[in-house]
């Protein structure tokens, strides 16, 4: 695994936010930064060569401008223009990256429909962790890193990533596990037995404790909060994320087929980004 952060760059404002986020992390972690612009849509039509040439030049100019904008003495920035399907190009590039960062045009709840089809596909297929940066300001009023835990091995890389980021940022870490009661028809007259609810909560609490065991000794300098909640995981995670600097979720995608799919929770979290969000496999 290389110590290089790759950023997919476009003209969108969300892309600029992604470059800024990636540059700050690269400097803090002493990593290199590579900016990639992708030209899509070429099909080999007559006269397409001149159009492609112009697009290539404009994309390279955009990358140069972004590289110059985030230039710093302790940051190595390279640029690369590729042609093809952006999802395929970026996921292929992730094979040689420590982290892939992309921007989203989603501007928060109440501002248009959910976004993220490209981001979801990239996060599902990427060989490296993917960070998706929404198109709104993550203000200084926000604090902390939130990580979703489900007690399965899927959570382990996400927890490790979240703890390392909390330590890097000097921010508290909230590890949240959500238990969901058995679904019943809406018109069913049913009261959940108290013993059932208490048992579900206790099982969740024990699962969470096992999942984060050892973190406090590994990162003695960060504050770690264990949170257990009843509800639907993506809704609970995004509610916490509204006041956080970073959210981290795991992905169930793996193998030649399943790596094209995200787990439903990470999929739903990415559709309605509440903050900068990392998907870690």
Protein backbone atom coordinates (compact mmCIF):
# COMPACT_ATOMS: atom_id res chain seq x y z
CA UNK A 1 0.00 0.00 0.00
CA UNK A 2 1.38 3.39 -1.00
CA UNK A 3 1.27 6.50 1.14
CA UNK A 4 -0.49 8.43 -1.63
CA UNK A 5 -3.87 10.11 -1.47
CA UNK A 6 -5.73 10.27 -4.77
CA UNK A 7 -8.40 12.91 -5.43
CA UNK A 8 -10.89 12.81 -8.28
CA UNK A 9 -11.04 16.40 -9.56
CA UNK A 10 -13.81 18.15 -11.49
CA UNK A 11 -14.93 21.76 -11.87
CA UNK A 12 -17.61 21.35 -9.18
CA UNK A 13 -17.29 23.24 -5.91
CA UNK A 14 -17.56 19.97 -4.01
CA UNK A 15 -14.40 18.85 -5.78
CA UNK A 16 -12.50 21.87 -4.45
CA UNK A 17 -13.60 20.98 -0.95
CA UNK A 18 -12.37 17.42 -1.55
CA UNK A 19 -8.96 18.70 -2.67
CA UNK A 20 -8.72 20.94 0.39
CA UNK A 21 -9.61 18.08 2.75
CA UNK A 22 -7.16 15.70 1.09
CA UNK A 23 -4.34 18.25 1.08
CA UNK A 24 -4.76 18.93 4.80
CA UNK A 25 -4.67 15.21 5.57
CA UNK A 26 -1.70 14.61 3.28
CA UNK A 27 0.30 17.31 5.06
CA UNK A 28 -0.65 15.98 8.51
CA UNK A 29 0.14 12.37 7.58
CA UNK A 30 3.20 13.21 5.41
CA UNK A 31 1.57 11.63 2.39
CA UNK A 32 1.78 12.53 -1.28
CA UNK A 33 -1.22 13.89 -3.17
CA UNK A 34 -2.23 12.95 -6.70
CA UNK A 35 -4.98 14.86 -8.50
CA UNK A 36 -6.73 12.94 -11.29
CA UNK A 37 -9.03 14.45 -13.91
CA UNK A 38 -11.10 12.12 -16.07
CA UNK A 39 -12.39 12.87 -19.56
CA UNK A 40 -15.42 10.74 -20.34
CA UNK A 41 -17.75 10.34 -23.30
CA UNK A 42 -15.31 9.56 -26.09
CA UNK A 43 -16.82 7.07 -28.59
CA UNK A 44 -14.56 7.48 -31.62
CA UNK A 45 -16.76 9.72 -33.77
CA UNK A 46 -15.29 11.61 -36.72
CA UNK A 47 -13.87 14.93 -35.53
CA UNK A 48 -13.74 13.76 -31.94
CA UNK A 49 -9.95 14.03 -31.81
CA UNK A 50 -9.88 17.83 -31.67
CA UNK A 51 -12.61 17.89 -29.03
CA UNK A 52 -10.74 15.35 -26.94
CA UNK A 53 -7.51 17.32 -27.31
CA UNK A 54 -9.20 20.51 -26.10
CA UNK A 55 -10.83 18.70 -23.20
CA UNK A 56 -7.48 17.16 -22.24
CA UNK A 57 -5.78 20.58 -22.21
CA UNK A 58 -8.58 22.17 -20.18
CA UNK A 59 -8.55 19.33 -17.66
CA UNK A 60 -4.77 19.55 -17.26
CA UNK A 61 -5.08 23.30 -16.70
CA UNK A 62 -7.71 22.69 -14.01
CA UNK A 63 -5.44 20.17 -12.28
CA UNK A 64 -2.51 22.57 -12.44
CA UNK A 65 -4.60 25.33 -10.88
CA UNK A 66 -5.75 23.06 -8.06
CA UNK A 67 -2.21 21.82 -7.45
CA UNK A 68 -0.96 25.39 -7.26
CA UNK A 69 -3.83 26.39 -4.96
CA UNK A 70 -2.93 23.81 -2.30
CA UNK A 71 0.82 23.92 -2.81
CA UNK A 72 2.90 23.78 0.36
CA UNK A 73 6.56 23.22 1.12
CA UNK A 74 5.87 19.91 2.82
CA UNK A 75 3.37 18.59 0.26
CA UNK A 76 4.24 16.72 -2.93
CA UNK A 77 1.44 17.12 -5.50
CA UNK A 78 1.28 15.35 -8.85
CA UNK A 79 -1.42 15.48 -11.53
CA UNK A 80 -2.75 13.04 -14.09
CA UNK A 81 -5.38 13.22 -16.85
CA UNK A 82 -7.12 10.02 -17.94
CA UNK A 83 -9.91 9.26 -20.41
CA UNK A 84 -12.67 6.75 -19.80
CA UNK A 85 -15.42 6.05 -17.29
CA UNK A 86 -14.73 8.10 -14.13
CA UNK A 87 -15.88 5.28 -11.83
CA UNK A 88 -13.59 2.76 -13.51
CA UNK A 89 -10.62 5.12 -13.71
CA UNK A 90 -10.79 6.11 -10.05
CA UNK A 91 -11.40 2.61 -8.75
CA UNK A 92 -8.45 1.35 -10.78
CA UNK A 93 -6.32 4.16 -9.37
CA UNK A 94 -7.36 3.19 -5.83
CA UNK A 95 -5.35 -0.04 -6.23
CA UNK A 96 -2.24 2.08 -5.69
CA UNK A 97 -3.55 4.50 -3.07
CA UNK A 98 -3.77 4.72 0.69
CA UNK A 99 -6.96 6.75 0.31
CA UNK A 100 -9.29 7.92 -2.45
CA UNK A 101 -11.10 11.25 -1.95
CA UNK A 102 -14.01 12.50 -4.04
CA UNK A 103 -16.42 15.41 -3.80
CA UNK A 104 -20.20 15.28 -3.84
CA UNK A 105 -22.71 17.87 -5.02
CA UNK A 106 -24.98 17.06 -2.09
CA UNK A 107 -25.50 20.19 0.00
CA UNK A 108 -27.30 18.78 2.98
CA UNK A 109 -30.84 17.91 4.08
CA UNK A 110 -33.55 20.12 2.60
CA UNK A 111 -31.47 21.10 -0.42
CA UNK A 112 -32.66 18.86 -3.22
CA UNK A 113 -32.86 15.09 -3.56
CA UNK A 114 -30.35 12.59 -2.31
CA UNK A 115 -27.12 12.38 -4.28
CA UNK A 116 -24.25 10.05 -4.71
CA UNK A 117 -24.73 7.38 -7.41
CA UNK A 118 -21.15 7.82 -8.64
CA UNK A 119 -19.84 8.12 -5.10
CA UNK A 120 -21.67 4.98 -4.04
CA UNK A 121 -20.33 3.00 -7.00
CA UNK A 122 -16.78 4.24 -6.41
CA UNK A 123 -16.94 3.50 -2.68
CA UNK A 124 -18.28 0.02 -3.39
CA UNK A 125 -15.56 -0.93 -5.87
CA UNK A 126 -12.55 0.93 -4.46
CA UNK A 127 -9.57 -1.08 -3.24
CA UNK A 128 -8.75 1.64 -0.68
CA UNK A 129 -10.87 3.54 1.83
CA UNK A 130 -12.95 6.27 0.16
CA UNK A 131 -13.71 9.67 1.65
CA UNK A 132 -16.69 11.57 0.22
CA UNK A 133 -16.75 15.32 0.89
CA UNK A 134 -20.15 17.07 0.67
CA UNK A 135 -20.59 20.50 -0.86
CA UNK A 136 -21.07 22.51 2.31
CA UNK A 137 -18.83 24.04 4.93
CA UNK A 138 -17.81 21.80 7.83
CA UNK A 139 -17.74 24.64 10.36
CA UNK A 140 -15.63 25.01 13.48
CA UNK A 141 -18.75 24.38 15.56
CA UNK A 142 -18.55 20.71 14.60
CA UNK A 143 -16.37 18.33 16.54
CA UNK A 144 -15.60 14.65 16.83
CA UNK A 145 -15.42 11.53 14.72
CA UNK A 146 -18.39 9.14 14.56
CA UNK A 147 -17.98 5.50 13.61
CA UNK A 148 -20.79 3.02 13.02
CA UNK A 149 -20.28 -0.35 14.69
CA UNK A 150 -22.31 -3.52 14.13
CA UNK A 151 -20.22 -6.08 15.98
CA UNK A 152 -19.13 -7.86 12.81
CA UNK A 153 -15.64 -8.09 11.27
CA UNK A 154 -16.84 -5.48 8.77
CA UNK A 155 -16.61 -2.88 11.52
CA UNK A 156 -13.02 -3.56 12.46
CA UNK A 157 -11.25 -1.65 9.65
CA UNK A 158 -13.74 1.23 10.05
CA UNK A 159 -13.07 1.45 13.80
CA UNK A 160 -9.30 1.40 13.25
CA UNK A 161 -9.55 4.14 10.61
CA UNK A 162 -11.85 6.29 12.77
CA UNK A 163 -9.61 6.01 15.83
CA UNK A 164 -6.53 6.98 13.83
CA UNK A 165 -8.37 10.00 12.38
CA UNK A 166 -9.66 11.08 15.80
CA UNK A 167 -6.10 10.87 17.11
CA UNK A 168 -4.77 12.86 14.14
CA UNK A 169 -7.42 15.55 14.50
CA UNK A 170 -7.27 15.66 18.31
CA UNK A 171 -11.02 15.05 18.37
CA UNK A 172 -13.23 12.77 20.51
CA UNK A 173 -14.40 9.49 19.01
CA UNK A 174 -18.00 8.29 19.27
CA UNK A 175 -18.52 4.60 18.52
CA UNK A 176 -22.23 4.02 17.92
CA UNK A 177 -24.06 0.71 17.69
CA UNK A 178 -27.76 0.70 16.83
CA UNK A 179 -30.16 -2.09 17.64
CA UNK A 180 -33.36 -2.42 15.65
CA UNK A 181 -36.39 -4.28 17.03
CA UNK A 182 -38.21 -6.86 14.97
CA UNK A 183 -40.28 -5.16 12.30
CA UNK A 184 -44.05 -5.65 12.57
CA UNK A 185 -46.93 -4.56 10.31
CA UNK A 186 -47.96 -0.97 10.98
CA UNK A 187 -51.48 -1.94 11.99
CA UNK A 188 -50.30 -4.65 14.38
CA UNK A 189 -51.27 -4.06 17.99
CA UNK A 190 -48.16 -5.17 19.80
CA UNK A 191 -46.12 -4.06 22.78
CA UNK A 192 -42.48 -5.10 22.85
CA UNK A 193 -41.78 -6.98 26.10
CA UNK A 194 -39.44 -5.08 28.39
CA UNK A 195 -37.19 -8.13 28.75
CA UNK A 196 -36.81 -8.26 24.97
CA UNK A 197 -35.84 -4.60 24.74
CA UNK A 198 -33.41 -4.85 27.65
CA UNK A 199 -31.85 -7.97 26.16
CA UNK A 200 -31.38 -6.35 22.76
CA UNK A 201 -29.77 -3.29 24.31
CA UNK A 202 -27.49 -5.36 26.53
CA UNK A 203 -26.37 -7.51 23.60
CA UNK A 204 -25.62 -4.37 21.61
CA UNK A 205 -23.69 -2.84 24.50
CA UNK A 206 -21.56 -5.99 24.93
CA UNK A 207 -20.93 -6.19 21.20
CA UNK A 208 -19.78 -2.58 21.14
CA UNK A 209 -17.44 -3.06 24.10
CA UNK A 210 -15.80 -6.04 22.39
CA UNK A 211 -15.47 -4.15 19.11
CA UNK A 212 -13.53 -1.25 20.61
CA UNK A 213 -11.58 -3.22 23.22
CA UNK A 214 -7.99 -2.04 23.27
CA UNK A 215 -8.61 1.36 21.67
CA UNK A 216 -8.10 3.29 24.90
CA UNK A 217 -4.71 1.73 25.50
CA UNK A 218 -3.74 2.20 21.85
CA UNK A 219 -4.87 5.84 21.80
CA UNK A 220 -4.64 7.08 25.41
CA UNK A 221 -4.87 10.68 24.26
CA UNK A 222 -8.35 10.57 22.73
CA UNK A 223 -11.72 10.65 24.43
CA UNK A 224 -13.85 7.65 23.44
CA UNK A 225 -17.61 7.58 23.96
CA UNK A 226 -19.63 4.39 23.63
CA UNK A 227 -23.16 5.03 22.35
CA UNK A 228 -26.02 2.53 22.11
CA UNK A 229 -29.26 3.52 20.43
CA UNK A 230 -32.52 2.00 19.26
CA UNK A 231 -33.63 2.80 15.75
CA UNK A 232 -32.47 2.47 12.16
CA UNK A 233 -28.67 2.63 11.82
CA UNK A 234 -28.26 5.05 8.92
CA UNK A 235 -30.72 7.54 10.42
CA UNK A 236 -29.03 7.42 13.84
CA UNK A 237 -25.53 7.70 12.33
CA UNK A 238 -26.45 10.67 10.15
CA UNK A 239 -28.12 12.41 13.08
CA UNK A 240 -24.87 12.18 15.05
CA UNK A 241 -22.90 13.13 11.95
CA UNK A 242 -24.67 16.49 11.69
CA UNK A 243 -22.46 17.81 14.48
CA UNK A 244 -19.32 15.78 13.65
CA UNK A 245 -16.26 16.55 11.55
CA UNK A 246 -16.04 13.04 10.15
CA UNK A 247 -18.19 9.91 9.95
CA UNK A 248 -16.79 6.46 9.24
CA UNK A 249 -18.78 3.42 8.13
CA UNK A 250 -17.82 -0.05 6.98
CA UNK A 251 -18.57 -1.62 3.63
CA UNK A 252 -19.67 -5.21 3.12
CA UNK A 253 -18.49 -5.27 -0.49
CA UNK A 254 -15.79 -7.82 -1.25
CA UNK A 255 -14.89 -10.33 -3.91
CA UNK A 256 -15.46 -10.02 -7.65
CA UNK A 257 -19.23 -9.57 -7.36
CA UNK A 258 -19.94 -8.15 -3.91
CA UNK A 259 -17.25 -5.47 -4.22
CA UNK A 260 -19.70 -3.71 -6.56
CA UNK A 261 -22.25 -3.45 -3.76
CA UNK A 262 -22.26 -1.52 -0.52
CA UNK A 263 -24.08 -2.63 2.57
CA UNK A 264 -27.46 -0.91 2.81
CA UNK A 265 -26.36 1.21 5.78
CA UNK A 266 -23.25 2.69 4.16
CA UNK A 267 -25.24 3.17 0.94
CA UNK A 268 -27.92 5.17 2.78
CA UNK A 269 -25.37 7.21 4.75
CA UNK A 270 -23.67 8.25 1.50
CA UNK A 271 -26.96 9.22 -0.13
CA UNK A 272 -27.59 11.94 2.45
CA UNK A 273 -24.19 13.08 3.63
CA UNK A 274 -24.27 14.92 6.93
CA UNK A 275 -20.49 15.51 7.03
CA UNK A 276 -17.28 14.28 5.46
CA UNK A 277 -17.78 10.51 5.31
CA UNK A 278 -15.31 7.66 4.95
CA UNK A 279 -16.26 4.20 3.73
CA UNK A 280 -13.71 1.64 4.83
CA UNK A 281 -13.46 -1.98 3.73
